[in-house]
Amino acid sequence: MTSEMSDIEKSIEWSRTILKDDKWCILDTETTGLNNAEIIQIGILTSSGEEYQTLVKPTIAISETASGIHGIHNDDVVQALPFEQVFLDVWKLLSDRDVIIYNAEFDLKVIRNSLKARGIQVAFPTSDRRNCRIFVNGGSIHCAMHYYSQYVGEWNEYYGNYKWQKLPGGDHSALGDCKATLEVIKQMSDSLPV
């Protein structure tokens, strides 16, 4: 007779599976703001240790509130490439890797917004077989915040789900937040099952 794993155990198992695999990358963005936002910086950390970070020129201004958080201002992105040009490099770096994102729904939305602003439509379809969304490279999309929130275990009665957890250790740079996400995954992986 087998017993079902707890949500904490599922999070630990997910993190161990991710770290055991050598075909993943962590992606993070910094944006113009929260509403109808576009990417101004994107970072990627791969399982093989490759690091990528670049500024991106948006079609809209960066809000003062956002600049106050990540320290990137409109003058900083004037000479940056537009996202549709950066996205080709990103796609090549992702290769056929699974994509891990802390707060995936937000980052996927700003990727779509940034491409849509340049007249390019993209979708991230859901795969019932994989039980997740699929990135344009064919890799599975994993939301590290979802698993970390389960791991922490703070229940939100109002939403009937786990309370979203702020990324511990993030420095509000895209690559710095990728590294912080990796540390969260390692923390869960190193835990003993309850």
N, C-alpha and C. Protein backbone atom coordinates (compact mmCIF):
# COMPACT_ATOMS: atom_id res chain seq x y z
N MET A 1 0.83 -1.17 0.00
CA MET A 1 0.00 0.00 0.00
C MET A 1 0.88 1.24 0.00
N THR A 2 0.62 2.19 -0.90
CA THR A 2 1.41 3.41 -0.98
C THR A 2 0.58 4.58 -0.48
N SER A 3 1.24 5.45 0.21
CA SER A 3 0.54 6.66 0.67
C SER A 3 0.91 7.81 -0.25
N GLU A 4 -0.01 8.74 -0.37
CA GLU A 4 0.27 9.91 -1.22
C GLU A 4 1.30 10.80 -0.55
N MET A 5 2.11 11.44 -1.37
CA MET A 5 3.10 12.38 -0.85
C MET A 5 2.40 13.65 -0.42
N SER A 6 2.91 14.28 0.63
CA SER A 6 2.41 15.59 1.03
C SER A 6 2.89 16.63 0.02
N ASP A 7 2.30 17.80 0.07
CA ASP A 7 2.73 18.87 -0.84
C ASP A 7 4.18 19.25 -0.60
N ILE A 8 4.62 19.23 0.63
CA ILE A 8 6.03 19.53 0.93
C ILE A 8 6.92 18.46 0.29
N GLU A 9 6.54 17.20 0.43
CA GLU A 9 7.32 16.12 -0.18
C GLU A 9 7.33 16.23 -1.70
N LYS A 10 6.20 16.64 -2.28
CA LYS A 10 6.15 16.84 -3.74
C LYS A 10 7.12 17.94 -4.16
N SER A 11 7.22 19.00 -3.38
CA SER A 11 8.15 20.09 -3.69
C SER A 11 9.60 19.64 -3.59
N ILE A 12 9.88 18.86 -2.57
CA ILE A 12 11.24 18.33 -2.40
C ILE A 12 11.58 17.39 -3.56
N GLU A 13 10.64 16.52 -3.91
CA GLU A 13 10.85 15.58 -5.02
C GLU A 13 11.06 16.33 -6.34
N TRP A 14 10.25 17.38 -6.57
CA TRP A 14 10.40 18.18 -7.79
C TRP A 14 11.80 18.79 -7.84
N SER A 15 12.24 19.39 -6.73
CA SER A 15 13.55 20.05 -6.73
C SER A 15 14.68 19.05 -6.97
N ARG A 16 14.56 17.87 -6.39
CA ARG A 16 15.60 16.84 -6.60
C ARG A 16 15.61 16.35 -8.04
N THR A 17 14.44 16.20 -8.62
CA THR A 17 14.34 15.77 -10.02
C THR A 17 14.95 16.82 -10.94
N ILE A 18 14.66 18.08 -10.68
CA ILE A 18 15.20 19.17 -11.50
C ILE A 18 16.72 19.17 -11.43
N LEU A 19 17.27 19.11 -10.22
CA LEU A 19 18.72 19.19 -10.07
C LEU A 19 19.44 17.97 -10.62
N LYS A 20 18.79 16.83 -10.63
CA LYS A 20 19.38 15.60 -11.17
C LYS A 20 19.46 15.68 -12.70
N ASP A 21 18.51 16.37 -13.30
CA ASP A 21 18.45 16.52 -14.76
C ASP A 21 19.49 17.56 -15.19
N ASP A 22 20.06 17.37 -16.36
CA ASP A 22 21.03 18.36 -16.84
C ASP A 22 20.48 19.18 -18.01
N LYS A 23 19.17 19.19 -18.15
CA LYS A 23 18.55 19.90 -19.29
C LYS A 23 17.57 20.96 -18.79
N TRP A 24 18.03 21.86 -17.95
CA TRP A 24 17.16 22.92 -17.46
C TRP A 24 17.88 24.26 -17.53
N CYS A 25 17.09 25.30 -17.46
CA CYS A 25 17.63 26.65 -17.29
C CYS A 25 16.65 27.42 -16.43
N ILE A 26 17.15 28.43 -15.77
CA ILE A 26 16.32 29.33 -14.97
C ILE A 26 16.30 30.66 -15.71
N LEU A 27 15.12 31.21 -15.88
CA LEU A 27 14.93 32.47 -16.61
C LEU A 27 14.27 33.48 -15.68
N ASP A 28 14.70 34.72 -15.76
CA ASP A 28 14.09 35.79 -14.98
C ASP A 28 14.13 37.08 -15.79
N THR A 29 13.17 37.96 -15.49
CA THR A 29 13.11 39.25 -16.16
C THR A 29 12.98 40.38 -15.14
N GLU A 30 13.40 41.55 -15.55
CA GLU A 30 13.07 42.80 -14.86
C GLU A 30 12.24 43.59 -15.86
N THR A 31 11.29 44.37 -15.37
CA THR A 31 10.28 44.95 -16.25
C THR A 31 10.06 46.44 -16.05
N THR A 32 9.26 47.00 -16.96
CA THR A 32 8.90 48.42 -16.91
C THR A 32 7.96 48.74 -15.75
N GLY A 33 7.35 47.74 -15.18
CA GLY A 33 6.38 47.92 -14.09
C GLY A 33 5.62 46.62 -13.91
N LEU A 34 4.38 46.74 -13.40
CA LEU A 34 3.57 45.55 -13.18
C LEU A 34 2.45 45.38 -14.20
N ASN A 35 1.80 46.48 -14.58
CA ASN A 35 0.64 46.39 -15.47
C ASN A 35 1.04 46.65 -16.91
N ASN A 36 0.67 45.73 -17.81
CA ASN A 36 1.05 45.82 -19.23
C ASN A 36 2.54 46.04 -19.40
N ALA A 37 3.31 45.40 -18.56
CA ALA A 37 4.75 45.61 -18.51
C ALA A 37 5.47 44.93 -19.67
N GLU A 38 6.64 45.46 -19.97
CA GLU A 38 7.55 44.88 -20.94
C GLU A 38 8.89 44.61 -20.27
N ILE A 39 9.66 43.74 -20.89
CA ILE A 39 10.97 43.35 -20.36
C ILE A 39 11.99 44.46 -20.63
N ILE A 40 12.81 44.74 -19.60
CA ILE A 40 13.94 45.66 -19.77
C ILE A 40 15.27 44.96 -19.47
N GLN A 41 15.19 43.78 -18.86
CA GLN A 41 16.39 42.97 -18.62
C GLN A 41 15.95 41.52 -18.54
N ILE A 42 16.72 40.65 -19.15
CA ILE A 42 16.44 39.21 -19.08
C ILE A 42 17.72 38.49 -18.72
N GLY A 43 17.57 37.48 -17.87
CA GLY A 43 18.71 36.69 -17.45
C GLY A 43 18.40 35.21 -17.52
N ILE A 44 19.44 34.42 -17.78
CA ILE A 44 19.30 32.97 -17.86
C ILE A 44 20.52 32.34 -17.19
N LEU A 45 20.26 31.30 -16.41
CA LEU A 45 21.29 30.48 -15.81
C LEU A 45 20.99 29.05 -16.21
N THR A 46 21.96 28.36 -16.84
CA THR A 46 21.71 27.00 -17.32
C THR A 46 22.29 25.97 -16.36
N SER A 47 21.84 24.73 -16.53
CA SER A 47 22.34 23.63 -15.70
C SER A 47 23.83 23.38 -15.93
N SER A 48 24.36 23.81 -17.07
CA SER A 48 25.79 23.64 -17.34
C SER A 48 26.62 24.83 -16.86
N GLY A 49 25.95 25.80 -16.20
CA GLY A 49 26.67 26.94 -15.62
C GLY A 49 26.77 28.16 -16.51
N GLU A 50 26.19 28.11 -17.72
CA GLU A 50 26.21 29.28 -18.58
C GLU A 50 25.35 30.38 -17.96
N GLU A 51 25.84 31.63 -18.07
CA GLU A 51 25.10 32.78 -17.56
C GLU A 51 24.89 33.77 -18.70
N TYR A 52 23.69 34.33 -18.74
CA TYR A 52 23.35 35.30 -19.78
C TYR A 52 22.50 36.39 -19.12
N GLN A 53 22.85 37.63 -19.41
CA GLN A 53 22.03 38.75 -18.95
C GLN A 53 22.22 39.90 -19.92
N THR A 54 21.12 40.53 -20.29
CA THR A 54 21.21 41.69 -21.17
C THR A 54 20.06 42.64 -20.90
N LEU A 55 20.32 43.91 -21.17
CA LEU A 55 19.26 44.90 -21.12
C LEU A 55 18.45 44.82 -22.41
N VAL A 56 17.19 45.25 -22.34
CA VAL A 56 16.27 45.20 -23.46
C VAL A 56 15.59 46.56 -23.59
N LYS A 57 15.46 47.03 -24.83
CA LYS A 57 14.80 48.31 -25.08
C LYS A 57 13.29 48.09 -25.21
N PRO A 58 12.49 48.62 -24.27
CA PRO A 58 11.03 48.45 -24.36
C PRO A 58 10.41 49.52 -25.26
N THR A 59 9.14 49.35 -25.56
CA THR A 59 8.42 50.36 -26.36
C THR A 59 7.71 51.36 -25.45
N ILE A 60 7.74 51.12 -24.15
CA ILE A 60 7.10 52.03 -23.17
C ILE A 60 8.12 52.43 -22.12
N ALA A 61 7.81 53.48 -21.39
CA ALA A 61 8.72 53.99 -20.37
C ALA A 61 8.73 53.08 -19.14
N ILE A 62 9.85 53.09 -18.44
CA ILE A 62 10.00 52.37 -17.18
C ILE A 62 9.40 53.25 -16.08
N SER A 63 8.53 52.68 -15.27
CA SER A 63 7.92 53.46 -14.20
C SER A 63 8.97 53.79 -13.13
N GLU A 64 8.77 54.91 -12.45
CA GLU A 64 9.69 55.30 -11.38
C GLU A 64 9.68 54.26 -10.27
N THR A 65 8.51 53.70 -10.00
CA THR A 65 8.41 52.67 -8.96
C THR A 65 9.27 51.47 -9.31
N ALA A 66 9.19 51.00 -10.57
CA ALA A 66 10.00 49.86 -11.01
C ALA A 66 11.49 50.19 -10.94
N SER A 67 11.87 51.39 -11.41
CA SER A 67 13.27 51.80 -11.35
C SER A 67 13.78 51.81 -9.92
N GLY A 68 12.92 52.20 -8.99
CA GLY A 68 13.29 52.21 -7.58
C GLY A 68 13.56 50.82 -7.03
N ILE A 69 12.97 49.81 -7.65
CA ILE A 69 13.16 48.43 -7.19
C ILE A 69 14.41 47.81 -7.82
N HIS A 70 14.52 47.87 -9.16
CA HIS A 70 15.64 47.18 -9.82
C HIS A 70 16.79 48.10 -10.22
N GLY A 71 16.60 49.40 -10.12
CA GLY A 71 17.69 50.33 -10.40
C GLY A 71 17.97 50.58 -11.87
N ILE A 72 17.09 50.10 -12.75
CA ILE A 72 17.27 50.31 -14.20
C ILE A 72 16.37 51.46 -14.61
N HIS A 73 16.96 52.44 -15.31
CA HIS A 73 16.23 53.64 -15.71
C HIS A 73 16.11 53.72 -17.23
N ASN A 74 15.24 54.58 -17.70
CA ASN A 74 15.01 54.72 -19.14
C ASN A 74 16.30 54.98 -19.91
N ASP A 75 17.18 55.82 -19.37
CA ASP A 75 18.46 56.12 -20.05
C ASP A 75 19.34 54.88 -20.19
N ASP A 76 19.18 53.92 -19.29
CA ASP A 76 20.00 52.71 -19.32
C ASP A 76 19.67 51.79 -20.50
N VAL A 77 18.45 51.89 -21.03
CA VAL A 77 18.01 50.96 -22.07
C VAL A 77 17.89 51.60 -23.46
N VAL A 78 18.27 52.85 -23.58
CA VAL A 78 18.15 53.55 -24.86
C VAL A 78 18.91 52.84 -25.98
N GLN A 79 20.11 52.36 -25.70
CA GLN A 79 20.94 51.71 -26.72
C GLN A 79 20.77 50.19 -26.75
N ALA A 80 19.91 49.65 -25.90
CA ALA A 80 19.71 48.20 -25.85
C ALA A 80 18.95 47.71 -27.08
N LEU A 81 19.08 46.42 -27.37
CA LEU A 81 18.35 45.82 -28.49
C LEU A 81 16.88 45.63 -28.11
N PRO A 82 15.98 45.70 -29.09
CA PRO A 82 14.57 45.40 -28.81
C PRO A 82 14.40 43.90 -28.53
N PHE A 83 13.32 43.56 -27.83
CA PHE A 83 13.16 42.19 -27.35
C PHE A 83 13.10 41.16 -28.48
N GLU A 84 12.52 41.49 -29.61
CA GLU A 84 12.45 40.47 -30.67
C GLU A 84 13.83 40.06 -31.15
N GLN A 85 14.82 40.95 -31.06
CA GLN A 85 16.19 40.58 -31.43
C GLN A 85 16.86 39.80 -30.29
N VAL A 86 16.64 40.20 -29.08
CA VAL A 86 17.19 39.50 -27.92
C VAL A 86 16.60 38.09 -27.81
N PHE A 87 15.31 37.97 -28.13
CA PHE A 87 14.61 36.70 -27.97
C PHE A 87 15.22 35.59 -28.81
N LEU A 88 15.77 35.91 -29.96
CA LEU A 88 16.44 34.89 -30.77
C LEU A 88 17.64 34.30 -30.05
N ASP A 89 18.43 35.17 -29.39
CA ASP A 89 19.57 34.68 -28.60
C ASP A 89 19.09 33.84 -27.42
N VAL A 90 18.02 34.30 -26.77
CA VAL A 90 17.45 33.58 -25.64
C VAL A 90 17.00 32.19 -26.08
N TRP A 91 16.29 32.13 -27.19
CA TRP A 91 15.77 30.87 -27.70
C TRP A 91 16.91 29.88 -27.97
N LYS A 92 17.99 30.37 -28.58
CA LYS A 92 19.15 29.51 -28.85
C LYS A 92 19.78 28.98 -27.56
N LEU A 93 19.88 29.85 -26.57
CA LEU A 93 20.48 29.45 -25.29
C LEU A 93 19.60 28.43 -24.57
N LEU A 94 18.29 28.61 -24.66
CA LEU A 94 17.37 27.66 -24.02
C LEU A 94 17.47 26.29 -24.65
N SER A 95 17.76 26.24 -25.95
CA SER A 95 17.86 24.98 -26.68
C SER A 95 16.61 24.16 -26.42
N ASP A 96 16.78 22.92 -25.98
CA ASP A 96 15.61 22.08 -25.69
C ASP A 96 15.45 21.87 -24.18
N ARG A 97 15.99 22.80 -23.39
CA ARG A 97 15.94 22.70 -21.94
C ARG A 97 14.54 23.00 -21.39
N ASP A 98 14.23 22.42 -20.23
CA ASP A 98 13.06 22.85 -19.48
C ASP A 98 13.37 24.23 -18.90
N VAL A 99 12.33 25.04 -18.73
CA VAL A 99 12.49 26.42 -18.29
C VAL A 99 11.87 26.57 -16.90
N ILE A 100 12.68 27.01 -15.95
CA ILE A 100 12.23 27.25 -14.58
C ILE A 100 12.16 28.75 -14.37
N ILE A 101 11.02 29.21 -13.87
CA ILE A 101 10.81 30.63 -13.66
C ILE A 101 10.18 30.83 -12.28
N TYR A 102 10.66 31.79 -11.52
CA TYR A 102 10.03 32.14 -10.24
C TYR A 102 8.91 33.12 -10.56
N ASN A 103 7.67 32.71 -10.33
CA ASN A 103 6.45 33.43 -10.72
C ASN A 103 6.32 33.40 -12.24
N ALA A 104 6.18 32.20 -12.75
CA ALA A 104 6.15 31.96 -14.19
C ALA A 104 5.04 32.72 -14.90
N GLU A 105 3.87 32.80 -14.32
CA GLU A 105 2.77 33.48 -14.99
C GLU A 105 3.12 34.93 -15.32
N PHE A 106 3.77 35.62 -14.39
CA PHE A 106 4.15 37.01 -14.63
C PHE A 106 5.18 37.11 -15.74
N ASP A 107 6.24 36.32 -15.67
CA ASP A 107 7.29 36.40 -16.68
C ASP A 107 6.79 35.99 -18.07
N LEU A 108 5.93 34.98 -18.14
CA LEU A 108 5.37 34.58 -19.42
C LEU A 108 4.51 35.70 -20.00
N LYS A 109 3.79 36.38 -19.13
CA LYS A 109 2.95 37.50 -19.58
C LYS A 109 3.81 38.64 -20.14
N VAL A 110 4.93 38.95 -19.47
CA VAL A 110 5.76 40.05 -19.98
C VAL A 110 6.54 39.64 -21.23
N ILE A 111 6.84 38.36 -21.38
CA ILE A 111 7.44 37.91 -22.64
C ILE A 111 6.44 38.12 -23.77
N ARG A 112 5.19 37.70 -23.54
CA ARG A 112 4.15 37.91 -24.56
C ARG A 112 3.96 39.40 -24.84
N ASN A 113 3.88 40.22 -23.78
CA ASN A 113 3.70 41.67 -23.96
C ASN A 113 4.84 42.28 -24.77
N SER A 114 6.06 41.86 -24.46
CA SER A 114 7.23 42.44 -25.13
C SER A 114 7.28 42.08 -26.61
N LEU A 115 6.87 40.86 -26.94
CA LEU A 115 6.82 40.47 -28.35
C LEU A 115 5.61 41.09 -29.05
N LYS A 116 4.48 41.12 -28.37
CA LYS A 116 3.26 41.70 -28.96
C LYS A 116 3.46 43.18 -29.30
N ALA A 117 4.21 43.89 -28.46
CA ALA A 117 4.49 45.30 -28.71
C ALA A 117 5.25 45.50 -30.02
N ARG A 118 5.92 44.45 -30.49
CA ARG A 118 6.67 44.49 -31.75
C ARG A 118 5.94 43.73 -32.86
N GLY A 119 4.66 43.39 -32.61
CA GLY A 119 3.85 42.75 -33.64
C GLY A 119 4.01 41.25 -33.75
N ILE A 120 4.56 40.62 -32.72
CA ILE A 120 4.78 39.17 -32.74
C ILE A 120 3.90 38.52 -31.67
N GLN A 121 3.11 37.54 -32.08
CA GLN A 121 2.25 36.81 -31.14
C GLN A 121 2.92 35.50 -30.76
N VAL A 122 2.84 35.14 -29.50
CA VAL A 122 3.38 33.87 -29.03
C VAL A 122 2.44 33.31 -27.96
N ALA A 123 2.33 32.00 -27.93
CA ALA A 123 1.50 31.33 -26.93
C ALA A 123 2.34 30.29 -26.21
N PHE A 124 1.94 29.98 -25.00
CA PHE A 124 2.59 28.94 -24.20
C PHE A 124 1.51 27.91 -23.87
N PRO A 125 1.29 26.96 -24.79
CA PRO A 125 0.19 26.01 -24.60
C PRO A 125 0.41 25.07 -23.41
N THR A 126 -0.68 24.53 -22.91
CA THR A 126 -0.62 23.57 -21.82
C THR A 126 -0.59 22.16 -22.39
N SER A 127 0.28 21.34 -21.83
CA SER A 127 0.37 19.93 -22.21
C SER A 127 -0.26 19.10 -21.10
N ASP A 128 -1.34 18.41 -21.43
CA ASP A 128 -1.96 17.53 -20.45
C ASP A 128 -1.04 16.36 -20.12
N ARG A 129 -0.30 15.90 -21.10
CA ARG A 129 0.61 14.77 -20.88
C ARG A 129 1.70 15.14 -19.88
N ARG A 130 2.25 16.33 -20.01
CA ARG A 130 3.32 16.76 -19.11
C ARG A 130 2.77 17.47 -17.87
N ASN A 131 1.49 17.81 -17.90
CA ASN A 131 0.85 18.52 -16.80
C ASN A 131 1.54 19.86 -16.51
N CYS A 132 1.86 20.58 -17.58
CA CYS A 132 2.49 21.89 -17.44
C CYS A 132 2.35 22.65 -18.75
N ARG A 133 2.80 23.90 -18.74
CA ARG A 133 2.83 24.68 -19.97
C ARG A 133 4.14 24.41 -20.70
N ILE A 134 4.14 24.71 -21.99
CA ILE A 134 5.29 24.43 -22.85
C ILE A 134 5.86 25.75 -23.37
N PHE A 135 7.18 25.91 -23.27
CA PHE A 135 7.84 27.09 -23.79
C PHE A 135 8.02 26.94 -25.30
N VAL A 136 8.34 28.03 -25.98
CA VAL A 136 8.47 27.99 -27.44
C VAL A 136 9.58 27.06 -27.93
N ASN A 137 10.52 26.70 -27.06
CA ASN A 137 11.58 25.77 -27.44
C ASN A 137 11.15 24.31 -27.28
N GLY A 138 9.94 24.07 -26.78
CA GLY A 138 9.46 22.72 -26.57
C GLY A 138 9.71 22.19 -25.17
N GLY A 139 10.44 22.95 -24.36
CA GLY A 139 10.71 22.53 -22.98
C GLY A 139 9.52 22.80 -22.08
N SER A 140 9.43 22.04 -21.00
CA SER A 140 8.38 22.26 -20.01
C SER A 140 8.68 23.52 -19.21
N ILE A 141 7.63 24.20 -18.78
CA ILE A 141 7.76 25.38 -17.94
C ILE A 141 7.42 24.99 -16.51
N HIS A 142 8.31 25.30 -15.58
CA HIS A 142 8.11 25.01 -14.16
C HIS A 142 8.09 26.33 -13.39
N CYS A 143 7.11 26.50 -12.53
CA CYS A 143 7.06 27.68 -11.68
C CYS A 143 7.68 27.35 -10.32
N ALA A 144 8.88 27.84 -10.09
CA ALA A 144 9.58 27.57 -8.83
C ALA A 144 8.83 28.17 -7.65
N MET A 145 8.14 29.30 -7.86
CA MET A 145 7.39 29.91 -6.76
C MET A 145 6.26 28.99 -6.30
N HIS A 146 5.61 28.32 -7.24
CA HIS A 146 4.54 27.38 -6.90
C HIS A 146 5.08 26.30 -5.96
N TYR A 147 6.20 25.69 -6.31
CA TYR A 147 6.76 24.62 -5.49
C TYR A 147 7.30 25.16 -4.16
N TYR A 148 7.92 26.33 -4.19
CA TYR A 148 8.46 26.88 -2.95
C TYR A 148 7.33 27.26 -2.00
N SER A 149 6.23 27.78 -2.54
CA SER A 149 5.08 28.12 -1.70
C SER A 149 4.50 26.87 -1.04
N GLN A 150 4.42 25.77 -1.79
CA GLN A 150 3.99 24.49 -1.21
C GLN A 150 4.95 24.05 -0.12
N TYR A 151 6.24 24.22 -0.38
CA TYR A 151 7.29 23.81 0.55
C TYR A 151 7.18 24.59 1.87
N VAL A 152 6.99 25.91 1.77
CA VAL A 152 6.86 26.74 2.97
C VAL A 152 5.56 26.38 3.71
N GLY A 153 4.49 26.15 2.96
CA GLY A 153 3.27 25.62 3.53
C GLY A 153 2.33 26.60 4.22
N GLU A 154 2.45 27.90 3.93
CA GLU A 154 1.53 28.88 4.51
C GLU A 154 0.24 28.89 3.69
N TRP A 155 -0.84 28.42 4.29
CA TRP A 155 -2.12 28.31 3.57
C TRP A 155 -2.85 29.65 3.59
N ASN A 156 -3.43 30.02 2.46
CA ASN A 156 -4.23 31.24 2.34
C ASN A 156 -5.70 30.81 2.23
N GLU A 157 -6.45 30.98 3.30
CA GLU A 157 -7.86 30.55 3.33
C GLU A 157 -8.68 31.26 2.26
N TYR A 158 -8.42 32.54 2.05
CA TYR A 158 -9.21 33.32 1.10
C TYR A 158 -9.09 32.77 -0.32
N TYR A 159 -7.87 32.48 -0.74
CA TYR A 159 -7.64 31.98 -2.10
C TYR A 159 -7.71 30.46 -2.18
N GLY A 160 -7.71 29.79 -1.04
CA GLY A 160 -7.76 28.33 -1.05
C GLY A 160 -6.52 27.70 -1.66
N ASN A 161 -5.38 28.33 -1.39
CA ASN A 161 -4.11 27.86 -1.96
C ASN A 161 -2.98 28.33 -1.07
N TYR A 162 -1.78 27.92 -1.40
CA TYR A 162 -0.63 28.36 -0.62
C TYR A 162 -0.29 29.82 -0.92
N LYS A 163 0.11 30.53 0.13
CA LYS A 163 0.49 31.94 -0.01
C LYS A 163 1.77 32.02 -0.84
N TRP A 164 1.74 32.90 -1.85
CA TRP A 164 2.94 33.10 -2.66
C TRP A 164 4.06 33.63 -1.78
N GLN A 165 5.24 33.13 -2.02
CA GLN A 165 6.40 33.52 -1.24
C GLN A 165 7.33 34.41 -2.06
N LYS A 166 7.77 35.49 -1.43
CA LYS A 166 8.76 36.36 -2.06
C LYS A 166 10.05 35.56 -2.25
N LEU A 167 10.75 35.83 -3.34
CA LEU A 167 12.01 35.13 -3.62
C LEU A 167 13.07 35.54 -2.60
N PRO A 168 13.51 34.61 -1.74
CA PRO A 168 14.55 34.97 -0.78
C PRO A 168 15.90 35.11 -1.47
N GLY A 169 16.62 36.16 -1.11
CA GLY A 169 17.97 36.33 -1.62
C GLY A 169 18.08 37.00 -2.97
N GLY A 170 16.98 37.34 -3.59
CA GLY A 170 17.02 38.00 -4.89
C GLY A 170 17.57 39.42 -4.77
N ASP A 171 18.26 39.87 -5.81
CA ASP A 171 18.82 41.24 -5.78
C ASP A 171 18.16 42.15 -6.81
N HIS A 172 17.08 41.70 -7.42
CA HIS A 172 16.33 42.47 -8.43
C HIS A 172 17.14 42.77 -9.69
N SER A 173 18.13 41.92 -9.97
CA SER A 173 18.70 41.87 -11.32
C SER A 173 18.24 40.53 -11.87
N ALA A 174 18.07 40.43 -13.18
CA ALA A 174 17.55 39.20 -13.75
C ALA A 174 18.45 38.01 -13.43
N LEU A 175 19.76 38.14 -13.63
CA LEU A 175 20.66 37.04 -13.36
C LEU A 175 20.77 36.76 -11.86
N GLY A 176 20.79 37.80 -11.06
CA GLY A 176 20.84 37.62 -9.60
C GLY A 176 19.62 36.86 -9.10
N ASP A 177 18.45 37.15 -9.67
CA ASP A 177 17.24 36.44 -9.27
C ASP A 177 17.24 35.00 -9.79
N CYS A 178 17.89 34.75 -10.93
CA CYS A 178 18.06 33.36 -11.40
C CYS A 178 18.89 32.58 -10.38
N LYS A 179 19.97 33.18 -9.91
CA LYS A 179 20.84 32.52 -8.93
C LYS A 179 20.10 32.29 -7.62
N ALA A 180 19.28 33.26 -7.20
CA ALA A 180 18.50 33.10 -5.97
C ALA A 180 17.48 31.98 -6.13
N THR A 181 16.89 31.85 -7.32
CA THR A 181 15.94 30.77 -7.59
C THR A 181 16.64 29.42 -7.49
N LEU A 182 17.85 29.32 -8.02
CA LEU A 182 18.61 28.08 -7.91
C LEU A 182 18.87 27.74 -6.44
N GLU A 183 19.18 28.74 -5.62
CA GLU A 183 19.42 28.49 -4.20
C GLU A 183 18.17 27.98 -3.50
N VAL A 184 17.00 28.50 -3.88
CA VAL A 184 15.73 28.02 -3.32
C VAL A 184 15.51 26.55 -3.69
N ILE A 185 15.79 26.21 -4.95
CA ILE A 185 15.64 24.83 -5.40
C ILE A 185 16.60 23.92 -4.63
N LYS A 186 17.84 24.36 -4.45
CA LYS A 186 18.82 23.57 -3.68
C LYS A 186 18.37 23.42 -2.23
N GLN A 187 17.82 24.48 -1.63
CA GLN A 187 17.33 24.42 -0.26
C GLN A 187 16.24 23.35 -0.13
N MET A 188 15.30 23.34 -1.06
CA MET A 188 14.25 22.32 -1.00
C MET A 188 14.83 20.93 -1.20
N SER A 189 15.76 20.80 -2.12
CA SER A 189 16.36 19.50 -2.44
C SER A 189 17.12 18.92 -1.25
N ASP A 190 17.76 19.80 -0.49
CA ASP A 190 18.56 19.36 0.67
C ASP A 190 17.71 19.02 1.89
N SER A 191 16.41 19.27 1.83
CA SER A 191 15.53 19.00 2.96
C SER A 191 15.26 17.51 3.10
N LEU A 192 15.04 17.12 4.32
CA LEU A 192 14.62 15.74 4.59
C LEU A 192 13.11 15.68 4.48
N PRO A 193 12.56 14.66 3.87
CA PRO A 193 11.10 14.54 3.80
C PRO A 193 10.52 14.45 5.21
N VAL A 194 9.34 15.02 5.36
CA VAL A 194 8.69 14.98 6.67
C VAL A 194 7.90 13.72 6.86
